[in-house]
């Protein structure tokens, strides 16, 4: 899931070198943390959080075949 979030985020931002994605696993729960530059935060979140919601939906769909629960946090 880490790679998926990283590819999506790098396509959205102006500074792809500053995108950092970390993954923490606790049993069947996985937390993916997305760090971007402050100037790119609005691009990743989108108007009314629509892009962030879309990223979470794509990750949720991709994780359903692995039978895991993935949370995406934008920091």
N, C-alpha and C. Protein backbone atom coordinates (compact mmCIF):
# COMPACT_ATOMS: atom_id res chain seq x y z
N UNK A 1 0.81 -1.20 0.00
CA UNK A 1 0.00 0.00 0.00
C UNK A 1 0.86 1.27 0.00
N UNK A 2 2.03 1.15 0.61
CA UNK A 2 2.94 2.29 0.68
C UNK A 2 3.29 2.81 -0.71
N UNK A 3 3.58 1.90 -1.62
CA UNK A 3 3.97 2.29 -2.97
C UNK A 3 2.81 2.96 -3.71
N UNK A 4 1.60 2.45 -3.51
CA UNK A 4 0.42 3.01 -4.16
C UNK A 4 0.20 4.46 -3.73
N UNK A 5 0.24 4.72 -2.44
CA UNK A 5 0.05 6.07 -1.92
C UNK A 5 1.16 6.99 -2.42
N UNK A 6 2.39 6.47 -2.46
CA UNK A 6 3.52 7.28 -2.91
C UNK A 6 3.38 7.69 -4.37
N UNK A 7 2.96 6.77 -5.23
CA UNK A 7 2.79 7.07 -6.66
C UNK A 7 1.69 8.11 -6.86
N UNK A 8 0.58 7.95 -6.16
CA UNK A 8 -0.54 8.89 -6.29
C UNK A 8 -0.11 10.28 -5.81
N UNK A 9 0.54 10.34 -4.65
CA UNK A 9 0.93 11.63 -4.07
C UNK A 9 1.95 12.35 -4.94
N UNK A 10 2.92 11.62 -5.47
CA UNK A 10 3.95 12.26 -6.29
C UNK A 10 3.36 12.82 -7.58
N UNK A 11 2.29 12.22 -8.08
CA UNK A 11 1.65 12.72 -9.29
C UNK A 11 0.88 14.01 -9.02
N UNK A 12 0.48 14.24 -7.78
CA UNK A 12 -0.34 15.40 -7.45
C UNK A 12 0.46 16.65 -7.09
N UNK A 13 1.63 16.49 -6.50
CA UNK A 13 2.34 17.62 -5.89
C UNK A 13 3.34 18.27 -6.85
N UNK A 14 3.78 19.48 -6.48
CA UNK A 14 4.80 20.21 -7.24
C UNK A 14 6.20 19.78 -6.84
N UNK A 15 6.36 19.30 -5.60
CA UNK A 15 7.67 18.89 -5.08
C UNK A 15 7.66 17.39 -4.77
N UNK A 16 7.76 16.53 -5.78
CA UNK A 16 7.68 15.09 -5.52
C UNK A 16 8.84 14.54 -4.70
N UNK A 17 9.96 15.29 -4.64
CA UNK A 17 11.10 14.84 -3.84
C UNK A 17 10.81 14.90 -2.35
N UNK A 18 9.84 15.72 -1.95
CA UNK A 18 9.54 15.89 -0.53
C UNK A 18 8.41 14.99 -0.04
N UNK A 19 7.95 14.09 -0.87
CA UNK A 19 6.90 13.14 -0.47
C UNK A 19 7.55 11.99 0.27
N UNK A 20 7.09 11.75 1.50
CA UNK A 20 7.60 10.65 2.32
C UNK A 20 6.40 9.85 2.80
N UNK A 21 6.45 8.54 2.57
CA UNK A 21 5.36 7.65 2.98
C UNK A 21 5.93 6.60 3.92
N UNK A 22 5.32 6.47 5.10
CA UNK A 22 5.73 5.44 6.05
C UNK A 22 4.55 4.53 6.32
N UNK A 23 4.86 3.30 6.67
CA UNK A 23 3.81 2.30 6.89
C UNK A 23 4.04 1.62 8.23
N UNK A 24 2.99 1.57 9.04
CA UNK A 24 3.06 0.90 10.34
C UNK A 24 2.01 -0.19 10.37
N UNK A 25 2.42 -1.39 10.72
CA UNK A 25 1.47 -2.51 10.71
C UNK A 25 1.26 -3.02 12.13
N UNK A 26 0.00 -3.21 12.49
CA UNK A 26 -0.39 -3.74 13.79
C UNK A 26 -1.43 -4.83 13.54
N UNK A 27 -0.99 -6.05 13.41
CA UNK A 27 -1.91 -7.15 13.11
C UNK A 27 -2.46 -7.00 11.71
N UNK A 28 -3.79 -6.92 11.59
CA UNK A 28 -4.42 -6.73 10.28
C UNK A 28 -4.70 -5.28 9.97
N UNK A 29 -4.30 -4.39 10.86
CA UNK A 29 -4.47 -2.95 10.65
C UNK A 29 -3.15 -2.34 10.19
N UNK A 30 -3.22 -1.57 9.12
CA UNK A 30 -2.04 -0.90 8.59
C UNK A 30 -2.33 0.60 8.54
N UNK A 31 -1.38 1.40 9.04
CA UNK A 31 -1.50 2.85 8.98
C UNK A 31 -0.44 3.37 8.02
N UNK A 32 -0.88 4.08 7.00
CA UNK A 32 0.03 4.67 6.03
C UNK A 32 0.03 6.18 6.29
N UNK A 33 1.22 6.72 6.61
CA UNK A 33 1.36 8.15 6.87
C UNK A 33 1.98 8.82 5.66
N UNK A 34 1.34 9.87 5.18
CA UNK A 34 1.81 10.61 4.02
C UNK A 34 2.28 11.98 4.45
N UNK A 35 3.57 12.27 4.23
CA UNK A 35 4.15 13.58 4.56
C UNK A 35 4.46 14.29 3.25
N UNK A 36 3.97 15.51 3.09
CA UNK A 36 4.26 16.32 1.90
C UNK A 36 4.72 17.70 2.34
N UNK A 37 5.26 18.46 1.42
CA UNK A 37 5.68 19.83 1.71
C UNK A 37 4.45 20.67 2.07
N UNK A 38 4.65 21.67 2.90
CA UNK A 38 3.54 22.51 3.34
C UNK A 38 2.83 23.17 2.17
N UNK A 39 3.58 23.54 1.14
CA UNK A 39 2.97 24.20 -0.01
C UNK A 39 2.11 23.24 -0.84
N UNK A 40 2.33 21.95 -0.70
CA UNK A 40 1.58 20.95 -1.46
C UNK A 40 0.42 20.34 -0.68
N UNK A 41 0.25 20.74 0.55
CA UNK A 41 -0.78 20.14 1.40
C UNK A 41 -2.18 20.32 0.79
N UNK A 42 -2.46 21.48 0.26
CA UNK A 42 -3.78 21.75 -0.33
C UNK A 42 -4.05 20.89 -1.55
N UNK A 43 -3.01 20.60 -2.31
CA UNK A 43 -3.19 19.76 -3.51
C UNK A 43 -3.52 18.33 -3.14
N UNK A 44 -2.96 17.85 -2.04
CA UNK A 44 -3.19 16.46 -1.61
C UNK A 44 -4.56 16.33 -0.95
N UNK A 45 -4.98 17.36 -0.23
CA UNK A 45 -6.27 17.30 0.46
C UNK A 45 -7.41 17.63 -0.50
N UNK A 46 -7.25 18.66 -1.30
CA UNK A 46 -8.28 19.04 -2.27
C UNK A 46 -9.41 19.83 -1.64
N UNK A 47 -10.31 20.31 -2.49
CA UNK A 47 -11.44 21.09 -2.00
C UNK A 47 -12.36 20.18 -1.20
N UNK A 48 -12.66 20.60 0.01
CA UNK A 48 -13.52 19.87 0.93
C UNK A 48 -13.04 18.43 1.15
N UNK A 49 -11.74 18.20 0.99
CA UNK A 49 -11.15 16.90 1.26
C UNK A 49 -11.44 15.84 0.22
N UNK A 50 -11.84 16.25 -0.97
CA UNK A 50 -12.24 15.28 -1.99
C UNK A 50 -11.09 14.42 -2.48
N UNK A 51 -9.92 15.00 -2.68
CA UNK A 51 -8.78 14.22 -3.17
C UNK A 51 -8.30 13.26 -2.09
N UNK A 52 -8.25 13.71 -0.84
CA UNK A 52 -7.86 12.84 0.26
C UNK A 52 -8.83 11.67 0.38
N UNK A 53 -10.10 11.95 0.23
CA UNK A 53 -11.12 10.90 0.29
C UNK A 53 -10.95 9.91 -0.86
N UNK A 54 -10.61 10.43 -2.04
CA UNK A 54 -10.40 9.56 -3.21
C UNK A 54 -9.18 8.66 -3.00
N UNK A 55 -8.11 9.22 -2.43
CA UNK A 55 -6.92 8.42 -2.14
C UNK A 55 -7.27 7.30 -1.17
N UNK A 56 -8.01 7.64 -0.14
CA UNK A 56 -8.41 6.62 0.85
C UNK A 56 -9.30 5.55 0.22
N UNK A 57 -10.17 5.94 -0.70
CA UNK A 57 -11.04 4.97 -1.37
C UNK A 57 -10.25 4.01 -2.24
N UNK A 58 -9.28 4.52 -2.97
CA UNK A 58 -8.45 3.67 -3.82
C UNK A 58 -7.64 2.69 -2.97
N UNK A 59 -7.07 3.18 -1.88
CA UNK A 59 -6.28 2.31 -1.00
C UNK A 59 -7.17 1.26 -0.35
N UNK A 60 -8.37 1.66 0.04
CA UNK A 60 -9.29 0.71 0.65
C UNK A 60 -9.67 -0.40 -0.34
N UNK A 61 -9.91 -0.03 -1.58
CA UNK A 61 -10.25 -1.02 -2.60
C UNK A 61 -9.08 -1.96 -2.86
N UNK A 62 -7.87 -1.42 -2.89
CA UNK A 62 -6.69 -2.24 -3.13
C UNK A 62 -6.40 -3.17 -1.96
N UNK A 63 -6.73 -2.73 -0.75
CA UNK A 63 -6.43 -3.54 0.43
C UNK A 63 -7.49 -4.60 0.70
N UNK A 64 -8.64 -4.49 0.05
CA UNK A 64 -9.72 -5.45 0.32
C UNK A 64 -9.34 -6.86 -0.10
N UNK A 65 -8.52 -7.01 -1.13
CA UNK A 65 -8.13 -8.35 -1.55
C UNK A 65 -7.13 -8.98 -0.58
N UNK A 66 -6.41 -8.15 0.20
CA UNK A 66 -5.46 -8.66 1.20
C UNK A 66 -6.12 -8.93 2.55
N UNK A 67 -7.39 -8.58 2.66
CA UNK A 67 -8.13 -8.77 3.91
C UNK A 67 -7.53 -7.98 5.07
N UNK A 68 -7.04 -6.77 4.78
CA UNK A 68 -6.48 -5.90 5.81
C UNK A 68 -7.22 -4.57 5.80
N UNK A 69 -7.14 -3.87 6.93
CA UNK A 69 -7.74 -2.54 7.04
C UNK A 69 -6.63 -1.52 6.99
N UNK A 70 -6.71 -0.60 6.04
CA UNK A 70 -5.65 0.39 5.84
C UNK A 70 -6.22 1.78 6.11
N UNK A 71 -5.53 2.53 6.96
CA UNK A 71 -5.88 3.93 7.23
C UNK A 71 -4.79 4.81 6.62
N UNK A 72 -5.20 5.86 5.93
CA UNK A 72 -4.25 6.80 5.33
C UNK A 72 -4.34 8.10 6.12
N UNK A 73 -3.21 8.52 6.67
CA UNK A 73 -3.14 9.78 7.41
C UNK A 73 -2.25 10.75 6.67
N UNK A 74 -2.74 11.95 6.44
CA UNK A 74 -1.96 12.98 5.76
C UNK A 74 -1.42 13.93 6.80
N UNK A 75 -0.10 14.00 6.88
CA UNK A 75 0.55 14.78 7.94
C UNK A 75 1.35 15.91 7.32
